[in-house]
Amino acid sequence: MSDPPRSRVAFVDWLRLLAALQMITGHTLDAVLVDGARQSSAFQTWTQIRGLTAPAFLLASGISFALASRLEDVGAFAALR
């Protein structure tokens, strides 16, 4: 007997996507940007926003884990309760 399909929480998926894109864009810009452009206020603002990338990804991962362990009745997550 197959399990019923689970609904996904869209904001968690979108947050993970946004964090992944921010990570890729941040590393790419950091590698290709000339030193003169790094002195602008726009780059400083970008750097501040980029600092939220890893915490956002960790938050989304934690929410995903919490939702999965709450929905899972048996298996690997049952030992964590």
Protein backbone atom coordinates (compact mmCIF):
# COMPACT_ATOMS: atom_id res chain seq x y z
CA MET A 1 0.00 0.00 0.00
CA SER A 2 1.49 3.35 -0.96
CA ASP A 3 1.64 6.36 1.33
CA PRO A 4 -0.46 9.40 0.46
CA PRO A 5 1.55 12.20 -1.16
CA ARG A 6 2.77 14.86 1.27
CA SER A 7 2.20 18.49 0.63
CA ARG A 8 5.28 20.68 0.58
CA VAL A 9 5.68 23.94 2.43
CA ALA A 10 6.37 26.37 -0.38
CA PHE A 11 8.06 29.11 1.63
CA VAL A 12 10.75 26.71 2.86
CA ASP A 13 11.50 25.61 -0.71
CA TRP A 14 11.59 29.26 -1.86
CA LEU A 15 13.87 30.24 1.02
CA ARG A 16 16.29 27.43 0.18
CA LEU A 17 16.23 28.41 -3.50
CA LEU A 18 16.85 32.06 -2.68
CA ALA A 19 19.72 31.18 -0.34
CA ALA A 20 21.31 28.89 -2.93
CA LEU A 21 21.06 31.54 -5.66
CA GLN A 22 22.43 34.18 -3.29
CA MET A 23 25.37 31.90 -2.46
CA ILE A 24 26.18 31.27 -6.13
CA THR A 25 25.80 34.93 -7.08
CA GLY A 26 27.84 36.10 -4.11
CA HIS A 27 30.77 33.81 -4.81
CA THR A 28 30.67 34.62 -8.52
CA LEU A 29 30.63 38.38 -7.98
CA ASP A 30 33.36 38.09 -5.39
CA ALA A 31 35.55 36.26 -7.91
CA VAL A 32 35.02 38.49 -10.95
CA LEU A 33 34.55 41.99 -9.49
CA VAL A 34 37.43 44.43 -9.87
CA ASP A 35 38.87 46.04 -6.74
CA GLY A 36 37.62 49.50 -7.66
CA ALA A 37 34.00 48.37 -7.65
CA ARG A 38 34.40 46.90 -4.16
CA GLN A 39 34.68 50.41 -2.70
CA SER A 40 31.15 51.45 -3.68
CA SER A 41 28.30 51.73 -1.20
CA ALA A 42 26.24 49.34 -3.35
CA PHE A 43 28.88 46.64 -2.89
CA GLN A 44 28.98 47.28 0.86
CA THR A 45 25.19 46.86 1.01
CA TRP A 46 25.47 43.71 -1.10
CA THR A 47 28.07 42.35 1.31
CA GLN A 48 25.75 42.95 4.27
CA ILE A 49 22.86 41.18 2.52
CA ARG A 50 25.16 38.36 1.44
CA GLY A 51 25.99 37.78 5.09
CA LEU A 52 22.45 36.47 5.56
CA THR A 53 22.90 33.67 3.03
CA ALA A 54 24.27 30.95 5.31
CA PRO A 55 21.90 31.71 8.22
CA ALA A 56 18.92 31.65 5.84
CA PHE A 57 19.99 28.31 4.42
CA LEU A 58 20.52 26.86 7.90
CA LEU A 59 17.13 28.18 9.01
CA ALA A 60 15.41 26.61 6.00
CA SER A 61 17.24 23.34 6.60
CA GLY A 62 16.19 23.32 10.24
CA ILE A 63 12.57 24.02 9.34
CA SER A 64 12.68 21.25 6.73
CA PHE A 65 14.09 18.81 9.29
CA ALA A 66 11.49 19.80 11.89
CA LEU A 67 8.64 19.38 9.42
CA ALA A 68 9.96 16.05 8.20
CA SER A 69 10.47 14.68 11.70
CA ARG A 70 7.04 15.85 12.76
CA LEU A 71 5.38 14.21 9.77
CA GLU A 72 7.38 11.00 9.96
CA ASP A 73 5.86 8.43 12.34
CA VAL A 74 8.40 5.68 11.79
CA GLY A 75 11.93 5.41 10.55
CA ALA A 76 15.03 7.37 11.31
CA PHE A 77 13.20 10.34 12.85
CA ALA A 78 11.30 8.24 15.40
CA ALA A 79 14.47 7.81 17.48
CA LEU A 80 14.88 11.58 17.80
CA ARG A 81 11.60 12.11 19.67
